[in-house]
Amino acid sequence: MEKHITLAGTLHIVLGVLTALTSLVVFTLLLGAGILSGEEEAVFVLSIVAAAVSGFLILRAIPEIIGGIGLLKHKPWARILTLVVSCFQLAEIPVGTALGGYSLWVLLNDETVAIFEKSSKK
């Protein structure tokens, strides 16, 4: 089960980083579209939309990255955080559903629970 924990942690970090990078791309594209339009209202509206969407994506990526790092270090709090993140991911078809389902399977396994309980006693 150690390999599955490592894989789940790594995949959460990778997906979190990709989500953060996506937020930067979305911000750049929306802000650029507003500037290219040449209209003040478009710049204003698109800058607000860009900030909101990018902010949401960043807030979505941060717990995923932190949880993934914690899983790699076998921190008990990371198991709980990643379980919550994985539940939200189930609605993100297809990649989120696959990763969320896999992570739930790994983290709810009795052997995994024992590993994290053992590491919390250190």
PDB file of N, CA and C in Angstrom:
ATOM      1  N   MET A   1       0.819  -1.198   0.000  1.00  0.00           N
ATOM      2  CA  MET A   1       0.000   0.000   0.000  1.00  0.00           C
ATOM      3  C   MET A   1       0.866   1.266   0.000  1.00  0.00           C
ATOM      4  N   GLU A   2       2.124   1.126   0.422  1.00  0.00           N
ATOM      5  CA  GLU A   2       3.040   2.280   0.421  1.00  0.00           C
ATOM      6  C   GLU A   2       3.160   2.898  -0.973  1.00  0.00           C
ATOM      7  N   LYS A   3       3.264   2.040  -1.990  1.00  0.00           N
ATOM      8  CA  LYS A   3       3.394   2.539  -3.364  1.00  0.00           C
ATOM      9  C   LYS A   3       2.146   3.306  -3.781  1.00  0.00           C
ATOM     10  N   HIS A   4       0.974   2.837  -3.356  1.00  0.00           N
ATOM     11  CA  HIS A   4      -0.270   3.521  -3.703  1.00  0.00           C
ATOM     12  C   HIS A   4      -0.354   4.888  -3.014  1.00  0.00           C
ATOM     13  N   ILE A   5       0.099   4.955  -1.770  1.00  0.00           N
ATOM     14  CA  ILE A   5       0.098   6.235  -1.053  1.00  0.00           C
ATOM     15  C   ILE A   5       1.030   7.220  -1.755  1.00  0.00           C
ATOM     16  N   THR A   6       2.204   6.747  -2.132  1.00  0.00           N
ATOM     17  CA  THR A   6       3.169   7.595  -2.843  1.00  0.00           C
ATOM     18  C   THR A   6       2.608   8.054  -4.186  1.00  0.00           C
ATOM     19  N   LEU A   7       1.985   7.136  -4.908  1.00  0.00           N
ATOM     20  CA  LEU A   7       1.412   7.491  -6.209  1.00  0.00           C
ATOM     21  C   LEU A   7       0.280   8.498  -6.051  1.00  0.00           C
ATOM     22  N   ALA A   8      -0.600   8.276  -5.085  1.00  0.00           N
ATOM     23  CA  ALA A   8      -1.712   9.209  -4.862  1.00  0.00           C
ATOM     24  C   ALA A   8      -1.182  10.589  -4.487  1.00  0.00           C
ATOM     25  N   GLY A   9      -0.195  10.642  -3.597  1.00  0.00           N
ATOM     26  CA  GLY A   9       0.384  11.926  -3.210  1.00  0.00           C
ATOM     27  C   GLY A   9       1.013  12.645  -4.387  1.00  0.00           C
ATOM     28  N   THR A  10       1.757  11.911  -5.187  1.00  0.00           N
ATOM     29  CA  THR A  10       2.407  12.496  -6.363  1.00  0.00           C
ATOM     30  C   THR A  10       1.376  13.005  -7.365  1.00  0.00           C
ATOM     31  N   LEU A  11       0.341  12.218  -7.610  1.00  0.00           N
ATOM     32  CA  LEU A  11      -0.696  12.637  -8.561  1.00  0.00           C
ATOM     33  C   LEU A  11      -1.438  13.875  -8.072  1.00  0.00           C
ATOM     34  N   HIS A  12      -1.675  13.973  -6.777  1.00  0.00           N
ATOM     35  CA  HIS A  12      -2.342  15.166  -6.247  1.00  0.00           C
ATOM     36  C   HIS A  12      -1.457  16.398  -6.394  1.00  0.00           C
ATOM     37  N   ILE A  13      -0.172  16.237  -6.168  1.00  0.00           N
ATOM     38  CA  ILE A  13       0.743  17.370  -6.355  1.00  0.00           C
ATOM     39  C   ILE A  13       0.752  17.799  -7.819  1.00  0.00           C
ATOM     40  N   VAL A  14       0.867  16.842  -8.720  1.00  0.00           N
ATOM     41  CA  VAL A  14       0.908  17.153 -10.157  1.00  0.00           C
ATOM     42  C   VAL A  14      -0.381  17.840 -10.597  1.00  0.00           C
ATOM     43  N   LEU A  15      -1.523  17.297 -10.204  1.00  0.00           N
ATOM     44  CA  LEU A  15      -2.792  17.906 -10.606  1.00  0.00           C
ATOM     45  C   LEU A  15      -2.966  19.286  -9.975  1.00  0.00           C
ATOM     46  N   GLY A  16      -2.509  19.452  -8.742  1.00  0.00           N
ATOM     47  CA  GLY A  16      -2.576  20.761  -8.096  1.00  0.00           C
ATOM     48  C   GLY A  16      -1.725  21.795  -8.808  1.00  0.00           C
ATOM     49  N   VAL A  17      -0.527  21.401  -9.198  1.00  0.00           N
ATOM     50  CA  VAL A  17       0.358  22.318  -9.931  1.00  0.00           C
ATOM     51  C   VAL A  17      -0.241  22.653 -11.295  1.00  0.00           C
ATOM     52  N   LEU A  18      -0.793  21.660 -11.975  1.00  0.00           N
ATOM     53  CA  LEU A  18      -1.439  21.920 -13.271  1.00  0.00           C
ATOM     54  C   LEU A  18      -2.637  22.857 -13.114  1.00  0.00           C
ATOM     55  N   THR A  19      -3.384  22.702 -12.042  1.00  0.00           N
ATOM     56  CA  THR A  19      -4.516  23.596 -11.781  1.00  0.00           C
ATOM     57  C   THR A  19      -4.027  25.018 -11.537  1.00  0.00           C
ATOM     58  N   ALA A  20      -2.941  25.166 -10.781  1.00  0.00           N
ATOM     59  CA  ALA A  20      -2.379  26.493 -10.530  1.00  0.00           C
ATOM     60  C   ALA A  20      -1.875  27.130 -11.826  1.00  0.00           C
ATOM     61  N   LEU A  21      -1.219  26.342 -12.658  1.00  0.00           N
ATOM     62  CA  LEU A  21      -0.750  26.867 -13.949  1.00  0.00           C
ATOM     63  C   LEU A  21      -1.921  27.246 -14.848  1.00  0.00           C
ATOM     64  N   THR A  22      -2.980  26.459 -14.802  1.00  0.00           N
ATOM     65  CA  THR A  22      -4.186  26.776 -15.574  1.00  0.00           C
ATOM     66  C   THR A  22      -4.768  28.107 -15.128  1.00  0.00           C
ATOM     67  N   SER A  23      -4.724  28.377 -13.832  1.00  0.00           N
ATOM     68  CA  SER A  23      -5.254  29.649 -13.341  1.00  0.00           C
ATOM     69  C   SER A  23      -4.463  30.826 -13.909  1.00  0.00           C
ATOM     70  N   LEU A  24      -3.158  30.657 -14.040  1.00  0.00           N
ATOM     71  CA  LEU A  24      -2.342  31.729 -14.626  1.00  0.00           C
ATOM     72  C   LEU A  24      -2.664  31.936 -16.100  1.00  0.00           C
ATOM     73  N   VAL A  25      -2.874  30.840 -16.819  1.00  0.00           N
ATOM     74  CA  VAL A  25      -3.225  30.933 -18.239  1.00  0.00           C
ATOM     75  C   VAL A  25      -4.580  31.609 -18.407  1.00  0.00           C
ATOM     76  N   VAL A  26      -5.550  31.207 -17.600  1.00  0.00           N
ATOM     77  CA  VAL A  26      -6.892  31.801 -17.675  1.00  0.00           C
ATOM     78  C   VAL A  26      -6.818  33.297 -17.373  1.00  0.00           C
ATOM     79  N   PHE A  27      -6.075  33.659 -16.337  1.00  0.00           N
ATOM     80  CA  PHE A  27      -5.941  35.066 -15.977  1.00  0.00           C
ATOM     81  C   PHE A  27      -5.333  35.863 -17.128  1.00  0.00           C
ATOM     82  N   THR A  28      -4.267  35.334 -17.701  1.00  0.00           N
ATOM     83  CA  THR A  28      -3.587  36.018 -18.803  1.00  0.00           C
ATOM     84  C   THR A  28      -4.486  36.159 -20.024  1.00  0.00           C
ATOM     85  N   LEU A  29      -5.179  35.086 -20.382  1.00  0.00           N
ATOM     86  CA  LEU A  29      -6.050  35.130 -21.564  1.00  0.00           C
ATOM     87  C   LEU A  29      -7.212  36.101 -21.387  1.00  0.00           C
ATOM     88  N   LEU A  30      -7.864  36.049 -20.229  1.00  0.00           N
ATOM     89  CA  LEU A  30      -9.011  36.939 -20.018  1.00  0.00           C
ATOM     90  C   LEU A  30      -8.580  38.398 -19.942  1.00  0.00           C
ATOM     91  N   LEU A  31      -7.514  38.653 -19.226  1.00  0.00           N
ATOM     92  CA  LEU A  31      -7.034  40.027 -19.127  1.00  0.00           C
ATOM     93  C   LEU A  31      -6.543  40.523 -20.485  1.00  0.00           C
ATOM     94  N   GLY A  32      -5.846  39.660 -21.214  1.00  0.00           N
ATOM     95  CA  GLY A  32      -5.375  40.022 -22.553  1.00  0.00           C
ATOM     96  C   GLY A  32      -6.514  40.300 -23.512  1.00  0.00           C
ATOM     97  N   ALA A  33      -7.584  39.506 -23.418  1.00  0.00           N
ATOM     98  CA  ALA A  33      -8.746  39.729 -24.285  1.00  0.00           C
ATOM     99  C   ALA A  33      -9.379  41.079 -23.995  1.00  0.00           C
ATOM    100  N   GLY A  34      -9.445  41.432 -22.731  1.00  0.00           N
ATOM    101  CA  GLY A  34     -10.000  42.734 -22.370  1.00  0.00           C
ATOM    102  C   GLY A  34      -9.152  43.876 -22.890  1.00  0.00           C
ATOM    103  N   ILE A  35      -7.853  43.744 -22.760  1.00  0.00           N
ATOM    104  CA  ILE A  35      -6.944  44.794 -23.228  1.00  0.00           C
ATOM    105  C   ILE A  35      -6.983  44.908 -24.748  1.00  0.00           C
ATOM    106  N   LEU A  36      -7.006  43.755 -25.436  1.00  0.00           N
ATOM    107  CA  LEU A  36      -7.045  43.771 -26.900  1.00  0.00           C
ATOM    108  C   LEU A  36      -8.343  44.358 -27.450  1.00  0.00           C
ATOM    109  N   SER A  37      -9.411  44.276 -26.673  1.00  0.00           N
ATOM    110  CA  SER A  37     -10.685  44.827 -27.153  1.00  0.00           C
ATOM    111  C   SER A  37     -10.618  46.347 -27.250  1.00  0.00           C
ATOM    112  N   GLY A  38      -9.787  46.958 -26.424  1.00  0.00           N
ATOM    113  CA  GLY A  38      -9.634  48.399 -26.471  1.00  0.00           C
ATOM    114  C   GLY A  38     -10.739  49.168 -25.769  1.00  0.00           C
ATOM    115  N   GLU A  39     -11.657  48.483 -25.134  1.00  0.00           N
ATOM    116  CA  GLU A  39     -12.752  49.154 -24.431  1.00  0.00           C
ATOM    117  C   GLU A  39     -12.519  49.079 -22.929  1.00  0.00           C
ATOM    118  N   GLU A  40     -12.748  50.217 -22.264  1.00  0.00           N
ATOM    119  CA  GLU A  40     -12.517  50.276 -20.822  1.00  0.00           C
ATOM    120  C   GLU A  40     -13.424  49.329 -20.053  1.00  0.00           C
ATOM    121  N   GLU A  41     -14.684  49.256 -20.470  1.00  0.00           N
ATOM    122  CA  GLU A  41     -15.626  48.372 -19.769  1.00  0.00           C
ATOM    123  C   GLU A  41     -15.209  46.910 -19.892  1.00  0.00           C
ATOM    124  N   ALA A  42     -14.760  46.524 -21.056  1.00  0.00           N
ATOM    125  CA  ALA A  42     -14.329  45.137 -21.264  1.00  0.00           C
ATOM    126  C   ALA A  42     -13.120  44.816 -20.393  1.00  0.00           C
ATOM    127  N   VAL A  43     -12.185  45.743 -20.318  1.00  0.00           N
ATOM    128  CA  VAL A  43     -11.007  45.527 -19.469  1.00  0.00           C
ATOM    129  C   VAL A  43     -11.438  45.376 -18.017  1.00  0.00           C
ATOM    130  N   PHE A  44     -12.341  46.242 -17.573  1.00  0.00           N
ATOM    131  CA  PHE A  44     -12.810  46.202 -16.187  1.00  0.00           C
ATOM    132  C   PHE A  44     -13.524  44.887 -15.878  1.00  0.00           C
ATOM    133  N   VAL A  45     -14.488  44.529 -16.709  1.00  0.00           N
ATOM    134  CA  VAL A  45     -15.271  43.313 -16.473  1.00  0.00           C
ATOM    135  C   VAL A  45     -14.397  42.063 -16.571  1.00  0.00           C
ATOM    136  N   LEU A  46     -13.589  41.984 -17.608  1.00  0.00           N
ATOM    137  CA  LEU A  46     -12.754  40.796 -17.781  1.00  0.00           C
ATOM    138  C   LEU A  46     -11.663  40.687 -16.717  1.00  0.00           C
ATOM    139  N   SER A  47     -11.199  41.809 -16.198  1.00  0.00           N
ATOM    140  CA  SER A  47     -10.210  41.725 -15.118  1.00  0.00           C
ATOM    141  C   SER A  47     -10.847  41.179 -13.842  1.00  0.00           C
ATOM    142  N   ILE A  48     -12.096  41.543 -13.592  1.00  0.00           N
ATOM    143  CA  ILE A  48     -12.807  41.000 -12.428  1.00  0.00           C
ATOM    144  C   ILE A  48     -13.065  39.508 -12.611  1.00  0.00           C
ATOM    145  N   VAL A  49     -13.520  39.128 -13.794  1.00  0.00           N
ATOM    146  CA  VAL A  49     -13.775  37.711 -14.080  1.00  0.00           C
ATOM    147  C   VAL A  49     -12.469  36.916 -14.001  1.00  0.00           C
ATOM    148  N   ALA A  50     -11.401  37.471 -14.558  1.00  0.00           N
ATOM    149  CA  ALA A  50     -10.099  36.789 -14.532  1.00  0.00           C
ATOM    150  C   ALA A  50      -9.626  36.579 -13.099  1.00  0.00           C
ATOM    151  N   ALA A  51      -9.760  37.598 -12.276  1.00  0.00           N
ATOM    152  CA  ALA A  51      -9.336  37.480 -10.877  1.00  0.00           C
ATOM    153  C   ALA A  51     -10.184  36.457 -10.128  1.00  0.00           C
ATOM    154  N   ALA A  52     -11.490  36.460 -10.379  1.00  0.00           N
ATOM    155  CA  ALA A  52     -12.382  35.523  -9.687  1.00  0.00           C
ATOM    156  C   ALA A  52     -12.098  34.077 -10.089  1.00  0.00           C
ATOM    157  N   VAL A  53     -12.011  33.830 -11.378  1.00  0.00           N
ATOM    158  CA  VAL A  53     -11.775  32.463 -11.858  1.00  0.00           C
ATOM    159  C   VAL A  53     -10.387  31.980 -11.427  1.00  0.00           C
ATOM    160  N   SER A  54      -9.391  32.819 -11.594  1.00  0.00           N
ATOM    161  CA  SER A  54      -8.032  32.436 -11.204  1.00  0.00           C
ATOM    162  C   SER A  54      -7.928  32.218  -9.698  1.00  0.00           C
ATOM    163  N   GLY A  55      -8.570  33.079  -8.942  1.00  0.00           N
ATOM    164  CA  GLY A  55      -8.576  32.920  -7.485  1.00  0.00           C
ATOM    165  C   GLY A  55      -9.214  31.613  -7.061  1.00  0.00           C
ATOM    166  N   PHE A  56     -10.333  31.276  -7.697  1.00  0.00           N
ATOM    167  CA  PHE A  56     -11.001  30.011  -7.393  1.00  0.00           C
ATOM    168  C   PHE A  56     -10.087  28.827  -7.703  1.00  0.00           C
ATOM    169  N   LEU A  57      -9.441  28.868  -8.856  1.00  0.00           N
ATOM    170  CA  LEU A  57      -8.555  27.761  -9.239  1.00  0.00           C
ATOM    171  C   LEU A  57      -7.354  27.639  -8.298  1.00  0.00           C
ATOM    172  N   ILE A  58      -6.802  28.766  -7.885  1.00  0.00           N
ATOM    173  CA  ILE A  58      -5.673  28.733  -6.950  1.00  0.00           C
ATOM    174  C   ILE A  58      -6.120  28.174  -5.603  1.00  0.00           C
ATOM    175  N   LEU A  59      -7.286  28.628  -5.129  1.00  0.00           N
ATOM    176  CA  LEU A  59      -7.801  28.107  -3.860  1.00  0.00           C
ATOM    177  C   LEU A  59      -8.098  26.619  -3.950  1.00  0.00           C
ATOM    178  N   ARG A  60      -8.394  26.165  -5.123  1.00  0.00           N
ATOM    179  CA  ARG A  60      -8.664  24.744  -5.359  1.00  0.00           C
ATOM    180  C   ARG A  60      -7.360  23.945  -5.409  1.00  0.00           C
ATOM    181  N   ALA A  61      -6.295  24.574  -5.910  1.00  0.00           N
ATOM    182  CA  ALA A  61      -5.013  23.882  -6.078  1.00  0.00           C
ATOM    183  C   ALA A  61      -4.208  23.783  -4.781  1.00  0.00           C
ATOM    184  N   ILE A  62      -4.291  24.795  -3.941  1.00  0.00           N
ATOM    185  CA  ILE A  62      -3.454  24.838  -2.735  1.00  0.00           C
ATOM    186  C   ILE A  62      -3.668  23.632  -1.817  1.00  0.00           C
ATOM    187  N   PRO A  63      -4.926  23.308  -1.434  1.00  0.00           N
ATOM    188  CA  PRO A  63      -5.080  22.145  -0.550  1.00  0.00           C
ATOM    189  C   PRO A  63      -4.645  20.836  -1.206  1.00  0.00           C
ATOM    190  N   GLU A  64      -4.782  20.769  -2.510  1.00  0.00           N
ATOM    191  CA  GLU A  64      -4.377  19.552  -3.215  1.00  0.00           C
ATOM    192  C   GLU A  64      -2.857  19.365  -3.157  1.00  0.00           C
ATOM    193  N   ILE A  65      -2.122  20.438  -3.366  1.00  0.00           N
ATOM    194  CA  ILE A  65      -0.660  20.363  -3.304  1.00  0.00           C
ATOM    195  C   ILE A  65      -0.201  20.065  -1.876  1.00  0.00           C
ATOM    196  N   ILE A  66      -0.775  20.773  -0.914  1.00  0.00           N
ATOM    197  CA  ILE A  66      -0.404  20.559   0.490  1.00  0.00           C
ATOM    198  C   ILE A  66      -0.733  19.129   0.923  1.00  0.00           C
ATOM    199  N   GLY A  67      -1.917  18.652   0.551  1.00  0.00           N
ATOM    200  CA  GLY A  67      -2.303  17.286   0.892  1.00  0.00           C
ATOM    201  C   GLY A  67      -1.385  16.256   0.263  1.00  0.00           C
ATOM    202  N   GLY A  68      -1.007  16.479  -0.989  1.00  0.00           N
ATOM    203  CA  GLY A  68      -0.102  15.554  -1.668  1.00  0.00           C
ATOM    204  C   GLY A  68       1.263  15.492  -1.007  1.00  0.00           C
ATOM    205  N   ILE A  69       1.787  16.644  -0.624  1.00  0.00           N
ATOM    206  CA  ILE A  69       3.081  16.676   0.068  1.00  0.00           C
ATOM    207  C   ILE A  69       2.971  15.960   1.412  1.00  0.00           C
ATOM    208  N   GLY A  70       1.870  16.215   2.119  1.00  0.00           N
ATOM    209  CA  GLY A  70       1.660  15.547   3.404  1.00  0.00           C
ATOM    210  C   GLY A  70       1.533  14.042   3.267  1.00  0.00           C
ATOM    211  N   LEU A  71       0.886  13.589   2.196  1.00  0.00           N
ATOM    212  CA  LEU A  71       0.774  12.143   1.968  1.00  0.00           C
ATOM    213  C   LEU A  71       2.147  11.517   1.771  1.00  0.00           C
ATOM    214  N   LEU A  72       2.997  12.186   1.022  1.00  0.00           N
ATOM    215  CA  LEU A  72       4.342  11.654   0.794  1.00  0.00           C
ATOM    216  C   LEU A  72       5.135  11.537   2.098  1.00  0.00           C
ATOM    217  N   LYS A  73       4.796  12.407   3.073  1.00  0.00           N
ATOM    218  CA  LYS A  73       5.482  12.383   4.372  1.00  0.00           C
ATOM    219  C   LYS A  73       4.712  11.575   5.418  1.00  0.00           C
ATOM    220  N   HIS A  74       3.601  10.964   4.995  1.00  0.00           N
ATOM    221  CA  HIS A  74       2.746  10.141   5.872  1.00  0.00           C
ATOM    222  C   HIS A  74       2.218  10.914   7.075  1.00  0.00           C
ATOM    223  N   LYS A  75       1.805  12.148   6.850  1.00  0.00           N
ATOM    224  CA  LYS A  75       1.221  12.960   7.912  1.00  0.00           C
ATOM    225  C   LYS A  75      -0.263  12.608   8.043  1.00  0.00           C
ATOM    226  N   PRO A  76      -0.739  12.326   9.256  1.00  0.00           N
ATOM    227  CA  PRO A  76      -2.147  11.930   9.437  1.00  0.00           C
ATOM    228  C   PRO A  76      -3.147  12.991   8.957  1.00  0.00           C
ATOM    229  N   TRP A  77      -2.835  14.276   9.155  1.00  0.00           N
ATOM    230  CA  TRP A  77      -3.741  15.331   8.717  1.00  0.00           C
ATOM    231  C   TRP A  77      -3.878  15.344   7.193  1.00  0.00           C
ATOM    232  N   ALA A  78      -2.827  14.920   6.493  1.00  0.00           N
ATOM    233  CA  ALA A  78      -2.853  14.920   5.025  1.00  0.00           C
ATOM    234  C   ALA A  78      -3.840  13.890   4.499  1.00  0.00           C
ATOM    235  N   ARG A  79      -3.985  12.789   5.213  1.00  0.00           N
ATOM    236  CA  ARG A  79      -4.950  11.761   4.806  1.00  0.00           C
ATOM    237  C   ARG A  79      -6.362  12.339   4.840  1.00  0.00           C
ATOM    238  N   ILE A  80      -6.690  13.055   5.907  1.00  0.00           N
ATOM    239  CA  ILE A  80      -8.027  13.651   6.032  1.00  0.00           C
ATOM    240  C   ILE A  80      -8.229  14.732   4.970  1.00  0.00           C
ATOM    241  N   LEU A  81      -7.247  15.615   4.813  1.00  0.00           N
ATOM    242  CA  LEU A  81      -7.340  16.680   3.810  1.00  0.00           C
ATOM    243  C   LEU A  81      -7.524  16.103   2.416  1.00  0.00           C
ATOM    244  N   THR A  82      -6.761  15.086   2.087  1.00  0.00           N
ATOM    245  CA  THR A  82      -6.845  14.490   0.756  1.00  0.00           C
ATOM    246  C   THR A  82      -8.163  13.748   0.561  1.00  0.00           C
ATOM    247  N   LEU A  83      -8.712  13.178   1.617  1.00  0.00           N
ATOM    248  CA  LEU A  83     -10.041  12.558   1.511  1.00  0.00           C
ATOM    249  C   LEU A  83     -11.091  13.605   1.141  1.00  0.00           C
ATOM    250  N   VAL A  84     -11.020  14.768   1.773  1.00  0.00           N
ATOM    251  CA  VAL A  84     -11.981  15.844   1.470  1.00  0.00           C
ATOM    252  C   VAL A  84     -11.794  16.332   0.037  1.00  0.00           C
ATOM    253  N   VAL A  85     -10.550  16.588  -0.349  1.00  0.00           N
ATOM    254  CA  VAL A  85     -10.254  17.038  -1.715  1.00  0.00           C
ATOM    255  C   VAL A  85     -10.736  16.001  -2.727  1.00  0.00           C
ATOM    256  N   SER A  86     -10.509  14.732  -2.432  1.00  0.00           N
ATOM    257  CA  SER A  86     -10.899  13.651  -3.346  1.00  0.00           C
ATOM    258  C   SER A  86     -12.409  13.582  -3.527  1.00  0.00           C
ATOM    259  N   CYS A  87     -13.156  13.847  -2.470  1.00  0.00           N
ATOM    260  CA  CYS A  87     -14.625  13.847  -2.585  1.00  0.00           C
ATOM    261  C   CYS A  87     -15.087  14.938  -3.547  1.00  0.00           C
ATOM    262  N   PHE A  88     -14.476  16.117  -3.466  1.00  0.00           N
ATOM    263  CA  PHE A  88     -14.829  17.194  -4.388  1.00  0.00           C
ATOM    264  C   PHE A  88     -14.407  16.863  -5.818  1.00  0.00           C
ATOM    265  N   GLN A  89     -13.306  16.141  -5.960  1.00  0.00           N
ATOM    266  CA  GLN A  89     -12.803  15.796  -7.294  1.00  0.00           C
ATOM    267  C   GLN A  89     -13.712  14.835  -8.042  1.00  0.00           C
ATOM    268  N   LEU A  90     -14.504  14.083  -7.340  1.00  0.00           N
ATOM    269  CA  LEU A  90     -15.344  13.080  -8.003  1.00  0.00           C
ATOM    270  C   LEU A  90     -16.244  13.702  -9.069  1.00  0.00           C
ATOM    271  N   ALA A  91     -16.598  14.975  -8.907  1.00  0.00           N
ATOM    272  CA  ALA A  91     -17.465  15.654  -9.872  1.00  0.00           C
ATOM    273  C   ALA A  91     -16.703  16.182 -11.088  1.00  0.00           C
ATOM    274  N   GLU A  92     -15.391  16.130 -11.052  1.00  0.00           N
ATOM    275  CA  GLU A  92     -14.566  16.678 -12.132  1.00  0.00           C
ATOM    276  C   GLU A  92     -14.218  15.587 -13.139  1.00  0.00           C
ATOM    277  N   ILE A  93     -15.159  15.303 -14.009  1.00  0.00           N
ATOM    278  CA  ILE A  93     -15.027  14.217 -14.982  1.00  0.00           C
ATOM    279  C   ILE A  93     -14.038  14.636 -16.069  1.00  0.00           C
ATOM    280  N   PRO A  94     -13.166  13.813 -16.540  1.00  0.00           N
ATOM    281  CA  PRO A  94     -12.850  12.430 -16.200  1.00  0.00           C
ATOM    282  C   PRO A  94     -11.666  12.297 -15.245  1.00  0.00           C
ATOM    283  N   VAL A  95     -10.710  13.253 -15.288  1.00  0.00           N
ATOM    284  CA  VAL A  95      -9.472  13.101 -14.517  1.00  0.00           C
ATOM    285  C   VAL A  95      -9.738  13.154 -13.014  1.00  0.00           C
ATOM    286  N   GLY A  96     -10.531  14.119 -12.590  1.00  0.00           N
ATOM    287  CA  GLY A  96     -10.836  14.243 -11.167  1.00  0.00           C
ATOM    288  C   GLY A  96     -11.572  13.034 -10.623  1.00  0.00           C
ATOM    289  N   THR A  97     -12.473  12.486 -11.422  1.00  0.00           N
ATOM    290  CA  THR A  97     -13.209  11.293 -10.993  1.00  0.00           C
ATOM    291  C   THR A  97     -12.255  10.122 -10.798  1.00  0.00           C
ATOM    292  N   ALA A  98     -11.348   9.940 -11.736  1.00  0.00           N
ATOM    293  CA  ALA A  98     -10.389   8.833 -11.633  1.00  0.00           C
ATOM    294  C   ALA A  98      -9.460   9.018 -10.432  1.00  0.00           C
ATOM    295  N   LEU A  99      -8.884  10.205 -10.287  1.00  0.00           N
ATOM    296  CA  LEU A  99      -7.961  10.445  -9.178  1.00  0.00           C
ATOM    297  C   LEU A  99      -8.695  10.437  -7.843  1.00  0.00           C
ATOM    298  N   GLY A 100      -9.872  11.048  -7.807  1.00  0.00           N
ATOM    299  CA  GLY A 100     -10.648  11.060  -6.570  1.00  0.00           C
ATOM    300  C   GLY A 100     -11.042   9.666  -6.127  1.00  0.00           C
ATOM    301  N   GLY A 101     -11.515   8.862  -7.059  1.00  0.00           N
ATOM    302  CA  GLY A 101     -11.892   7.485  -6.737  1.00  0.00           C
ATOM    303  C   GLY A 101     -10.701   6.660  -6.293  1.00  0.00           C
ATOM    304  N   TYR A 102      -9.599   6.803  -6.998  1.00  0.00           N
ATOM    305  CA  TYR A 102      -8.377   6.067  -6.639  1.00  0.00           C
ATOM    306  C   TYR A 102      -7.898   6.481  -5.247  1.00  0.00           C
ATOM    307  N   SER A 103      -7.890   7.782  -4.986  1.00  0.00           N
ATOM    308  CA  SER A 103      -7.424   8.274  -3.689  1.00  0.00           C
ATOM    309  C   SER A 103      -8.328   7.800  -2.558  1.00  0.00           C
ATOM    310  N   LEU A 104      -9.630   7.805  -2.792  1.00  0.00           N
ATOM    311  CA  LEU A 104     -10.548   7.299  -1.766  1.00  0.00           C
ATOM    312  C   LEU A 104     -10.280   5.825  -1.495  1.00  0.00           C
ATOM    313  N   TRP A 105     -10.068   5.059  -2.552  1.00  0.00           N
ATOM    314  CA  TRP A 105      -9.775   3.630  -2.379  1.00  0.00           C
ATOM    315  C   TRP A 105      -8.493   3.431  -1.569  1.00  0.00           C
ATOM    316  N   VAL A 106      -7.466   4.200  -1.899  1.00  0.00           N
ATOM    317  CA  VAL A 106      -6.182   4.066  -1.199  1.00  0.00           C
ATOM    318  C   VAL A 106      -6.308   4.510   0.252  1.00  0.00           C
ATOM    319  N   LEU A 107      -6.888   5.687   0.473  1.00  0.00           N
ATOM    320  CA  LEU A 107      -6.865   6.291   1.805  1.00  0.00           C
ATOM    321  C   LEU A 107      -7.876   5.691   2.772  1.00  0.00           C
ATOM    322  N   LEU A 108      -8.890   5.003   2.261  1.00  0.00           N
ATOM    323  CA  LEU A 108      -9.864   4.355   3.140  1.00  0.00           C
ATOM    324  C   LEU A 108      -9.525   2.891   3.394  1.00  0.00           C
ATOM    325  N   ASN A 109      -8.463   2.401   2.800  1.00  0.00           N
ATOM    326  CA  ASN A 109      -8.023   1.027   2.988  1.00  0.00           C
ATOM    327  C   ASN A 109      -7.519   0.837   4.423  1.00  0.00           C
ATOM    328  N   ASP A 110      -7.852  -0.297   5.030  1.00  0.00           N
ATOM    329  CA  ASP A 110      -7.451  -0.563   6.417  1.00  0.00           C
ATOM    330  C   ASP A 110      -5.935  -0.535   6.600  1.00  0.00           C
ATOM    331  N   GLU A 111      -5.213  -1.037   5.620  1.00  0.00           N
ATOM    332  CA  GLU A 111      -3.748  -1.039   5.700  1.00  0.00           C
ATOM    333  C   GLU A 111      -3.198   0.391   5.705  1.00  0.00           C
ATOM    334  N   THR A 112      -3.807   1.255   4.903  1.00  0.00           N
ATOM    335  CA  THR A 112      -3.378   2.654   4.854  1.00  0.00           C
ATOM    336  C   THR A 112      -3.673   3.351   6.172  1.00  0.00           C
ATOM    337  N   VAL A 113      -4.852   3.102   6.720  1.00  0.00           N
ATOM    338  CA  VAL A 113      -5.213   3.697   8.012  1.00  0.00           C
ATOM    339  C   VAL A 113      -4.185   3.292   9.065  1.00  0.00           C
ATOM    340  N   ALA A 114      -3.788   2.027   9.063  1.00  0.00           N
ATOM    341  CA  ALA A 114      -2.788   1.547  10.026  1.00  0.00           C
ATOM    342  C   ALA A 114      -1.441   2.239   9.824  1.00  0.00           C
ATOM    343  N   ILE A 115      -1.056   2.459   8.582  1.00  0.00           N
ATOM    344  CA  ILE A 115       0.218   3.138   8.292  1.00  0.00           C
ATOM    345  C   ILE A 115       0.204   4.556   8.855  1.00  0.00           C
ATOM    346  N   PHE A 116      -0.899   5.267   8.650  1.00  0.00           N
ATOM    347  CA  PHE A 116      -0.978   6.648   9.131  1.00  0.00           C
ATOM    348  C   PHE A 116      -1.114   6.716  10.646  1.00  0.00           C
ATOM    349  N   GLU A 117      -1.791   5.748  11.256  1.00  0.00           N
ATOM    350  CA  GLU A 117      -1.874   5.710  12.719  1.00  0.00           C
ATOM    351  C   GLU A 117      -0.501   5.437  13.320  1.00  0.00           C
ATOM    352  N   LYS A 118       0.252   4.555  12.683  1.00  0.00           N
ATOM    353  CA  LYS A 118       1.601   4.230  13.150  1.00  0.00           C
ATOM    354  C   LYS A 118       2.511   5.451  13.049  1.00  0.00           C
ATOM    355  N   SER A 119       2.388   6.203  11.955  1.00  0.00           N
ATOM    356  CA  SER A 119       3.249   7.378  11.777  1.00  0.00           C
ATOM    357  C   SER A 119       2.861   8.512  12.719  1.00  0.00           C
ATOM    358  N   SER A 120       1.605   8.549  13.171  1.00  0.00           N
ATOM    359  CA  SER A 120       1.187   9.611  14.094  1.00  0.00           C
ATOM    360  C   SER A 120       1.724   9.367  15.501  1.00  0.00           C
ATOM    361  N   LYS A 121       2.089   8.131  15.813  1.00  0.00           N
ATOM    362  CA  LYS A 121       2.607   7.800  17.142  1.00  0.00           C
ATOM    363  C   LYS A 121       4.100   8.068  17.267  1.00  0.00           C
ATOM    364  N   LYS A 122       4.746   8.387  16.158  1.00  0.00           N
ATOM    365  CA  LYS A 122       6.195   8.657  16.194  1.00  0.00           C
ATOM    366  C   LYS A 122       6.475  10.001  16.805  1.00  0.00           C
TER     367      LYS A 122
END
